[in-house]
Amino acid sequence: MGDFHVKRIILPSGKAVEIVYFDATREDLAEPAPRPAPEPVDETPQLECCPACSCEMVHPLDWREAECDAWELELRCPNCGWCERGVYAQEVVERYDAVLNEGTDTLIEALEKASRENMEADIERFVQALERDLIEPFDF
């Protein structure tokens, strides 16, 4: 299978991500040269809001830990296609992570509601077919 190594990253939400590097060379395994401490882009940016079109659905494409309790994020707006990479303070990213989690919860609730409504409609159609004697043994 070749050489590989695993890097574990803990996200601000506490979730862990493991990155597997295949065919790693010694240069890949070496620690990167220290970068100067990044300066946060803004004190309190609303990362979920697009600066180009004000859409509130900006999502991360890529992220990595930076130095000094900061994160480097690549963000994208699905509405206008705006993209940007920046370094943000831990507190800003934690707030953004909370917003993303709320959005995920909203999507899950909508999915569960749609699934429940679809199942109810399927059951109603099945009951009507049974009542009208439209189901026969060869249907199974």
N, C-alpha and C. Protein backbone atom coordinates (compact mmCIF):
# COMPACT_ATOMS: atom_id res chain seq x y z
N MET A 1 0.82 -1.19 0.00
CA MET A 1 0.00 0.00 0.00
C MET A 1 0.86 1.25 0.00
N GLY A 2 2.15 1.14 0.33
CA GLY A 2 3.01 2.31 0.29
C GLY A 2 3.06 3.02 1.62
N ASP A 3 3.87 4.06 1.65
CA ASP A 3 4.01 4.83 2.87
C ASP A 3 2.81 5.74 3.06
N PHE A 4 2.48 5.96 4.33
CA PHE A 4 1.43 6.91 4.65
C PHE A 4 1.60 7.39 6.07
N HIS A 5 0.99 8.51 6.38
CA HIS A 5 0.92 8.97 7.76
C HIS A 5 -0.42 9.67 7.96
N VAL A 6 -0.80 9.76 9.22
CA VAL A 6 -2.10 10.31 9.57
C VAL A 6 -1.89 11.55 10.43
N LYS A 7 -2.61 12.60 10.12
CA LYS A 7 -2.59 13.82 10.94
C LYS A 7 -3.99 14.02 11.48
N ARG A 8 -4.10 14.20 12.77
CA ARG A 8 -5.40 14.40 13.42
C ARG A 8 -5.54 15.88 13.77
N ILE A 9 -6.67 16.48 13.35
CA ILE A 9 -6.95 17.89 13.61
C ILE A 9 -8.23 17.96 14.43
N ILE A 10 -8.22 18.75 15.48
CA ILE A 10 -9.40 18.98 16.29
C ILE A 10 -9.99 20.31 15.87
N LEU A 11 -11.25 20.29 15.37
CA LEU A 11 -11.92 21.50 14.93
C LEU A 11 -12.45 22.28 16.13
N PRO A 12 -12.79 23.55 15.94
CA PRO A 12 -13.29 24.35 17.06
C PRO A 12 -14.52 23.75 17.73
N SER A 13 -15.32 23.01 17.00
CA SER A 13 -16.52 22.42 17.58
C SER A 13 -16.19 21.20 18.45
N GLY A 14 -14.94 20.76 18.43
CA GLY A 14 -14.56 19.58 19.19
C GLY A 14 -14.52 18.33 18.33
N LYS A 15 -15.03 18.42 17.10
CA LYS A 15 -14.99 17.28 16.19
C LYS A 15 -13.55 17.04 15.75
N ALA A 16 -13.21 15.79 15.53
CA ALA A 16 -11.86 15.43 15.11
C ALA A 16 -11.90 14.99 13.65
N VAL A 17 -10.89 15.41 12.90
CA VAL A 17 -10.74 15.03 11.51
C VAL A 17 -9.37 14.40 11.37
N GLU A 18 -9.32 13.23 10.74
CA GLU A 18 -8.04 12.59 10.48
C GLU A 18 -7.74 12.69 8.99
N ILE A 19 -6.56 13.18 8.66
CA ILE A 19 -6.13 13.31 7.27
C ILE A 19 -5.05 12.27 7.04
N VAL A 20 -5.26 11.44 6.01
CA VAL A 20 -4.30 10.40 5.68
C VAL A 20 -3.52 10.85 4.45
N TYR A 21 -2.20 10.91 4.58
CA TYR A 21 -1.31 11.26 3.48
C TYR A 21 -0.69 9.97 2.96
N PHE A 22 -0.94 9.61 1.71
CA PHE A 22 -0.39 8.41 1.11
C PHE A 22 0.91 8.75 0.38
N ASP A 23 1.77 7.74 0.25
CA ASP A 23 3.06 7.89 -0.43
C ASP A 23 3.82 9.09 0.12
N ALA A 24 3.86 9.19 1.43
CA ALA A 24 4.54 10.32 2.06
C ALA A 24 6.05 10.18 1.91
N THR A 25 6.68 11.29 1.61
CA THR A 25 8.13 11.32 1.55
C THR A 25 8.64 12.00 2.82
N ARG A 26 9.93 11.98 3.00
CA ARG A 26 10.47 12.61 4.21
C ARG A 26 10.14 14.09 4.26
N GLU A 27 10.10 14.74 3.11
CA GLU A 27 9.75 16.16 3.10
C GLU A 27 8.29 16.36 3.54
N ASP A 28 7.40 15.41 3.14
CA ASP A 28 5.99 15.51 3.53
C ASP A 28 5.83 15.35 5.03
N LEU A 29 6.67 14.49 5.63
CA LEU A 29 6.53 14.20 7.05
C LEU A 29 7.16 15.27 7.93
N ALA A 30 8.06 16.04 7.36
CA ALA A 30 8.72 17.07 8.15
C ALA A 30 7.72 18.16 8.52
N GLU A 31 7.93 18.72 9.67
CA GLU A 31 7.06 19.82 10.10
C GLU A 31 7.28 21.00 9.16
N PRO A 32 6.24 21.70 8.77
CA PRO A 32 6.42 22.85 7.89
C PRO A 32 7.21 23.95 8.60
N ALA A 33 7.88 24.75 7.80
CA ALA A 33 8.63 25.86 8.37
C ALA A 33 7.67 26.80 9.09
N PRO A 34 8.08 27.31 10.24
CA PRO A 34 7.16 28.17 10.99
C PRO A 34 6.80 29.40 10.17
N ARG A 35 5.52 29.70 10.17
CA ARG A 35 5.04 30.89 9.48
C ARG A 35 4.91 32.01 10.50
N PRO A 36 4.99 33.23 10.05
CA PRO A 36 4.78 34.32 11.01
C PRO A 36 3.35 34.24 11.54
N ALA A 37 3.18 34.68 12.76
CA ALA A 37 1.86 34.62 13.39
C ALA A 37 0.87 35.40 12.53
N PRO A 38 -0.25 34.74 12.12
CA PRO A 38 -1.22 35.42 11.25
C PRO A 38 -2.00 36.46 12.05
N GLU A 39 -2.36 37.49 11.34
CA GLU A 39 -3.21 38.50 11.95
C GLU A 39 -4.64 38.23 11.52
N PRO A 40 -5.56 38.18 12.48
CA PRO A 40 -6.96 37.96 12.11
C PRO A 40 -7.43 39.04 11.15
N VAL A 41 -8.29 38.64 10.20
CA VAL A 41 -8.79 39.55 9.18
C VAL A 41 -9.62 40.66 9.78
N ASP A 42 -10.44 40.33 10.76
CA ASP A 42 -11.35 41.32 11.34
C ASP A 42 -11.66 40.86 12.76
N GLU A 43 -12.02 41.78 13.61
CA GLU A 43 -12.36 41.44 14.99
C GLU A 43 -13.61 40.58 15.08
N THR A 44 -14.69 40.99 14.44
CA THR A 44 -15.96 40.26 14.56
C THR A 44 -16.65 40.10 13.20
N PRO A 45 -16.01 39.45 12.25
CA PRO A 45 -16.69 39.27 10.97
C PRO A 45 -17.82 38.24 11.07
N GLN A 46 -18.84 38.43 10.30
CA GLN A 46 -19.93 37.47 10.19
C GLN A 46 -19.58 36.57 9.01
N LEU A 47 -18.87 35.49 9.27
CA LEU A 47 -18.34 34.66 8.19
C LEU A 47 -19.42 34.05 7.33
N GLU A 48 -20.63 33.87 7.86
CA GLU A 48 -21.71 33.28 7.08
C GLU A 48 -22.33 34.27 6.10
N CYS A 49 -21.99 35.56 6.19
CA CYS A 49 -22.55 36.59 5.32
C CYS A 49 -21.56 36.93 4.21
N CYS A 50 -22.03 36.87 2.97
CA CYS A 50 -21.20 37.17 1.82
C CYS A 50 -21.01 38.69 1.72
N PRO A 51 -19.76 39.15 1.61
CA PRO A 51 -19.55 40.59 1.47
C PRO A 51 -19.94 41.12 0.09
N ALA A 52 -20.07 40.23 -0.90
CA ALA A 52 -20.41 40.65 -2.24
C ALA A 52 -21.91 40.78 -2.46
N CYS A 53 -22.70 39.82 -1.92
CA CYS A 53 -24.14 39.83 -2.21
C CYS A 53 -25.02 39.76 -0.96
N SER A 54 -24.42 39.71 0.22
CA SER A 54 -25.13 39.66 1.50
C SER A 54 -25.89 38.35 1.75
N CYS A 55 -25.66 37.34 0.95
CA CYS A 55 -26.26 36.02 1.19
C CYS A 55 -25.73 35.48 2.50
N GLU A 56 -26.59 34.84 3.28
CA GLU A 56 -26.18 34.33 4.59
C GLU A 56 -25.91 32.82 4.57
N MET A 57 -25.40 32.30 3.44
CA MET A 57 -25.14 30.87 3.33
C MET A 57 -23.69 30.57 2.94
N VAL A 58 -22.76 31.44 3.30
CA VAL A 58 -21.35 31.21 2.99
C VAL A 58 -20.88 29.97 3.74
N HIS A 59 -20.21 29.09 3.04
CA HIS A 59 -19.76 27.83 3.65
C HIS A 59 -18.25 27.65 3.44
N PRO A 60 -17.63 26.86 4.32
CA PRO A 60 -16.19 26.64 4.18
C PRO A 60 -15.89 25.59 3.12
N LEU A 61 -14.88 25.86 2.31
CA LEU A 61 -14.38 24.86 1.34
C LEU A 61 -13.17 24.14 1.92
N ASP A 62 -12.38 24.85 2.70
CA ASP A 62 -11.17 24.28 3.25
C ASP A 62 -10.84 25.03 4.53
N TRP A 63 -10.18 24.35 5.45
CA TRP A 63 -9.76 24.99 6.69
C TRP A 63 -8.53 24.28 7.22
N ARG A 64 -7.73 25.02 7.94
CA ARG A 64 -6.57 24.44 8.61
C ARG A 64 -6.19 25.33 9.77
N GLU A 65 -5.55 24.69 10.73
CA GLU A 65 -5.09 25.44 11.90
C GLU A 65 -3.98 26.39 11.48
N ALA A 66 -4.03 27.57 12.05
CA ALA A 66 -2.94 28.53 11.88
C ALA A 66 -2.34 28.73 13.27
N GLU A 67 -1.35 29.54 13.36
CA GLU A 67 -0.71 29.76 14.65
C GLU A 67 -1.51 30.75 15.49
N CYS A 68 -1.19 30.78 16.77
CA CYS A 68 -1.76 31.75 17.71
C CYS A 68 -3.27 31.64 17.82
N ASP A 69 -3.79 30.44 17.99
CA ASP A 69 -5.24 30.23 18.16
C ASP A 69 -6.04 30.87 17.04
N ALA A 70 -5.64 30.62 15.82
CA ALA A 70 -6.36 31.14 14.66
C ALA A 70 -6.55 30.01 13.66
N TRP A 71 -7.48 30.23 12.73
CA TRP A 71 -7.78 29.25 11.69
C TRP A 71 -7.73 29.93 10.34
N GLU A 72 -7.18 29.22 9.36
CA GLU A 72 -7.19 29.70 7.98
C GLU A 72 -8.35 29.00 7.29
N LEU A 73 -9.29 29.80 6.78
CA LEU A 73 -10.48 29.26 6.13
C LEU A 73 -10.57 29.73 4.69
N GLU A 74 -11.03 28.85 3.82
CA GLU A 74 -11.40 29.24 2.47
C GLU A 74 -12.92 29.19 2.43
N LEU A 75 -13.53 30.33 2.16
CA LEU A 75 -14.99 30.46 2.20
C LEU A 75 -15.53 30.69 0.80
N ARG A 76 -16.78 30.25 0.58
CA ARG A 76 -17.44 30.40 -0.72
C ARG A 76 -18.91 30.70 -0.53
N CYS A 77 -19.40 31.60 -1.37
CA CYS A 77 -20.83 31.94 -1.37
C CYS A 77 -21.50 31.14 -2.49
N PRO A 78 -22.53 30.34 -2.17
CA PRO A 78 -23.21 29.58 -3.21
C PRO A 78 -24.10 30.44 -4.10
N ASN A 79 -24.40 31.65 -3.66
CA ASN A 79 -25.29 32.53 -4.41
C ASN A 79 -24.58 33.23 -5.57
N CYS A 80 -23.42 33.84 -5.27
CA CYS A 80 -22.73 34.62 -6.31
C CYS A 80 -21.38 34.04 -6.70
N GLY A 81 -20.91 33.01 -5.98
CA GLY A 81 -19.64 32.39 -6.32
C GLY A 81 -18.42 33.06 -5.70
N TRP A 82 -18.63 34.07 -4.87
CA TRP A 82 -17.53 34.75 -4.19
C TRP A 82 -16.71 33.73 -3.41
N CYS A 83 -15.38 33.86 -3.45
CA CYS A 83 -14.48 32.99 -2.70
C CYS A 83 -13.40 33.85 -2.07
N GLU A 84 -12.97 33.42 -0.87
CA GLU A 84 -11.88 34.14 -0.22
C GLU A 84 -11.22 33.24 0.80
N ARG A 85 -9.91 33.41 0.96
CA ARG A 85 -9.16 32.69 1.99
C ARG A 85 -8.67 33.73 2.98
N GLY A 86 -8.86 33.45 4.26
CA GLY A 86 -8.41 34.39 5.28
C GLY A 86 -8.11 33.67 6.58
N VAL A 87 -7.50 34.38 7.50
CA VAL A 87 -7.16 33.85 8.81
C VAL A 87 -8.05 34.55 9.83
N TYR A 88 -8.69 33.75 10.67
CA TYR A 88 -9.67 34.27 11.62
C TYR A 88 -9.36 33.77 13.02
N ALA A 89 -9.67 34.60 14.00
CA ALA A 89 -9.43 34.27 15.40
C ALA A 89 -10.30 33.09 15.82
N GLN A 90 -9.84 32.36 16.83
CA GLN A 90 -10.54 31.19 17.35
C GLN A 90 -11.99 31.53 17.72
N GLU A 91 -12.22 32.65 18.38
CA GLU A 91 -13.57 33.02 18.82
C GLU A 91 -14.51 33.23 17.64
N VAL A 92 -13.99 33.84 16.57
CA VAL A 92 -14.80 34.09 15.37
C VAL A 92 -15.17 32.77 14.72
N VAL A 93 -14.21 31.85 14.64
CA VAL A 93 -14.46 30.56 14.01
C VAL A 93 -15.42 29.72 14.87
N GLU A 94 -15.31 29.81 16.18
CA GLU A 94 -16.24 29.09 17.06
C GLU A 94 -17.67 29.59 16.86
N ARG A 95 -17.85 30.91 16.71
CA ARG A 95 -19.18 31.46 16.46
C ARG A 95 -19.70 30.98 15.11
N TYR A 96 -18.82 31.00 14.10
CA TYR A 96 -19.19 30.53 12.76
C TYR A 96 -19.56 29.05 12.80
N ASP A 97 -18.80 28.24 13.55
CA ASP A 97 -19.09 26.82 13.69
C ASP A 97 -20.48 26.62 14.32
N ALA A 98 -20.81 27.45 15.30
CA ALA A 98 -22.14 27.36 15.92
C ALA A 98 -23.24 27.70 14.91
N VAL A 99 -23.00 28.71 14.07
CA VAL A 99 -23.97 29.07 13.02
C VAL A 99 -24.13 27.91 12.04
N LEU A 100 -23.01 27.28 11.65
CA LEU A 100 -23.07 26.14 10.73
C LEU A 100 -23.82 24.97 11.36
N ASN A 101 -23.60 24.73 12.66
CA ASN A 101 -24.31 23.65 13.34
C ASN A 101 -25.81 23.92 13.40
N GLU A 102 -26.20 25.18 13.64
CA GLU A 102 -27.62 25.54 13.63
C GLU A 102 -28.23 25.29 12.25
N GLY A 103 -27.49 25.65 11.20
CA GLY A 103 -27.95 25.41 9.84
C GLY A 103 -28.10 23.92 9.55
N THR A 104 -27.15 23.13 10.03
CA THR A 104 -27.23 21.68 9.87
C THR A 104 -28.47 21.13 10.57
N ASP A 105 -28.71 21.60 11.79
CA ASP A 105 -29.89 21.16 12.54
C ASP A 105 -31.18 21.51 11.81
N THR A 106 -31.22 22.71 11.23
CA THR A 106 -32.40 23.14 10.46
C THR A 106 -32.61 22.24 9.24
N LEU A 107 -31.53 21.90 8.54
CA LEU A 107 -31.64 21.02 7.38
C LEU A 107 -32.10 19.62 7.78
N ILE A 108 -31.60 19.12 8.89
CA ILE A 108 -32.00 17.78 9.36
C ILE A 108 -33.48 17.78 9.73
N GLU A 109 -33.93 18.83 10.40
CA GLU A 109 -35.35 18.92 10.75
C GLU A 109 -36.22 18.95 9.49
N ALA A 110 -35.81 19.72 8.49
CA ALA A 110 -36.57 19.79 7.24
C ALA A 110 -36.58 18.44 6.53
N LEU A 111 -35.44 17.74 6.53
CA LEU A 111 -35.38 16.42 5.92
C LEU A 111 -36.29 15.44 6.63
N GLU A 112 -36.27 15.45 7.97
CA GLU A 112 -37.13 14.54 8.73
C GLU A 112 -38.60 14.85 8.47
N LYS A 113 -38.95 16.13 8.38
CA LYS A 113 -40.34 16.51 8.11
C LYS A 113 -40.76 16.03 6.72
N ALA A 114 -39.91 16.26 5.72
CA ALA A 114 -40.24 15.83 4.35
C ALA A 114 -40.34 14.31 4.29
N SER A 115 -39.44 13.60 4.95
CA SER A 115 -39.49 12.14 4.96
C SER A 115 -40.77 11.64 5.61
N ARG A 116 -41.14 12.26 6.74
CA ARG A 116 -42.37 11.87 7.44
C ARG A 116 -43.60 12.12 6.55
N GLU A 117 -43.65 13.29 5.90
CA GLU A 117 -44.78 13.61 5.03
C GLU A 117 -44.86 12.65 3.84
N ASN A 118 -43.70 12.30 3.27
CA ASN A 118 -43.68 11.35 2.15
C ASN A 118 -44.15 9.97 2.60
N MET A 119 -43.72 9.54 3.78
CA MET A 119 -44.14 8.23 4.30
C MET A 119 -45.64 8.22 4.56
N GLU A 120 -46.17 9.31 5.13
CA GLU A 120 -47.61 9.39 5.38
C GLU A 120 -48.39 9.31 4.07
N ALA A 121 -47.90 9.99 3.04
CA ALA A 121 -48.56 9.94 1.73
C ALA A 121 -48.49 8.53 1.14
N ASP A 122 -47.34 7.86 1.27
CA ASP A 122 -47.21 6.49 0.78
C ASP A 122 -48.18 5.55 1.50
N ILE A 123 -48.28 5.71 2.81
CA ILE A 123 -49.18 4.85 3.58
C ILE A 123 -50.63 5.11 3.18
N GLU A 124 -50.97 6.37 3.00
CA GLU A 124 -52.35 6.71 2.60
C GLU A 124 -52.69 6.09 1.24
N ARG A 125 -51.76 6.16 0.28
CA ARG A 125 -52.00 5.55 -1.03
C ARG A 125 -52.13 4.03 -0.91
N PHE A 126 -51.31 3.41 -0.06
CA PHE A 126 -51.37 1.97 0.13
C PHE A 126 -52.71 1.57 0.75
N VAL A 127 -53.17 2.32 1.76
CA VAL A 127 -54.46 2.03 2.39
C VAL A 127 -55.59 2.16 1.38
N GLN A 128 -55.55 3.21 0.55
CA GLN A 128 -56.59 3.38 -0.46
C GLN A 128 -56.57 2.24 -1.47
N ALA A 129 -55.38 1.79 -1.84
CA ALA A 129 -55.28 0.66 -2.77
C ALA A 129 -55.84 -0.61 -2.14
N LEU A 130 -55.59 -0.81 -0.86
CA LEU A 130 -56.15 -1.99 -0.17
C LEU A 130 -57.68 -1.90 -0.11
N GLU A 131 -58.19 -0.72 0.24
CA GLU A 131 -59.63 -0.54 0.35
C GLU A 131 -60.33 -0.74 -0.99
N ARG A 132 -59.69 -0.40 -2.09
CA ARG A 132 -60.29 -0.54 -3.42
C ARG A 132 -59.97 -1.90 -4.05
N ASP A 133 -59.30 -2.74 -3.27
CA ASP A 133 -58.95 -4.08 -3.72
C ASP A 133 -58.09 -4.03 -5.00
N LEU A 134 -57.14 -3.09 -5.02
CA LEU A 134 -56.26 -2.92 -6.19
C LEU A 134 -54.93 -3.68 -6.04
N ILE A 135 -54.72 -4.26 -4.89
CA ILE A 135 -53.48 -4.99 -4.65
C ILE A 135 -53.76 -6.48 -4.71
N GLU A 136 -52.96 -7.15 -5.53
CA GLU A 136 -53.14 -8.59 -5.72
C GLU A 136 -51.84 -9.32 -5.34
N PRO A 137 -51.89 -10.64 -5.16
CA PRO A 137 -50.70 -11.39 -4.73
C PRO A 137 -49.50 -11.20 -5.65
N PHE A 138 -49.70 -11.07 -6.94
CA PHE A 138 -48.55 -10.95 -7.85
C PHE A 138 -47.87 -9.58 -7.72
N ASP A 139 -48.44 -8.64 -6.95
CA ASP A 139 -47.80 -7.34 -6.70
C ASP A 139 -46.59 -7.48 -5.78
N PHE A 140 -46.53 -8.65 -5.12
CA PHE A 140 -45.43 -8.84 -4.19
C PHE A 140 -44.51 -9.86 -4.74
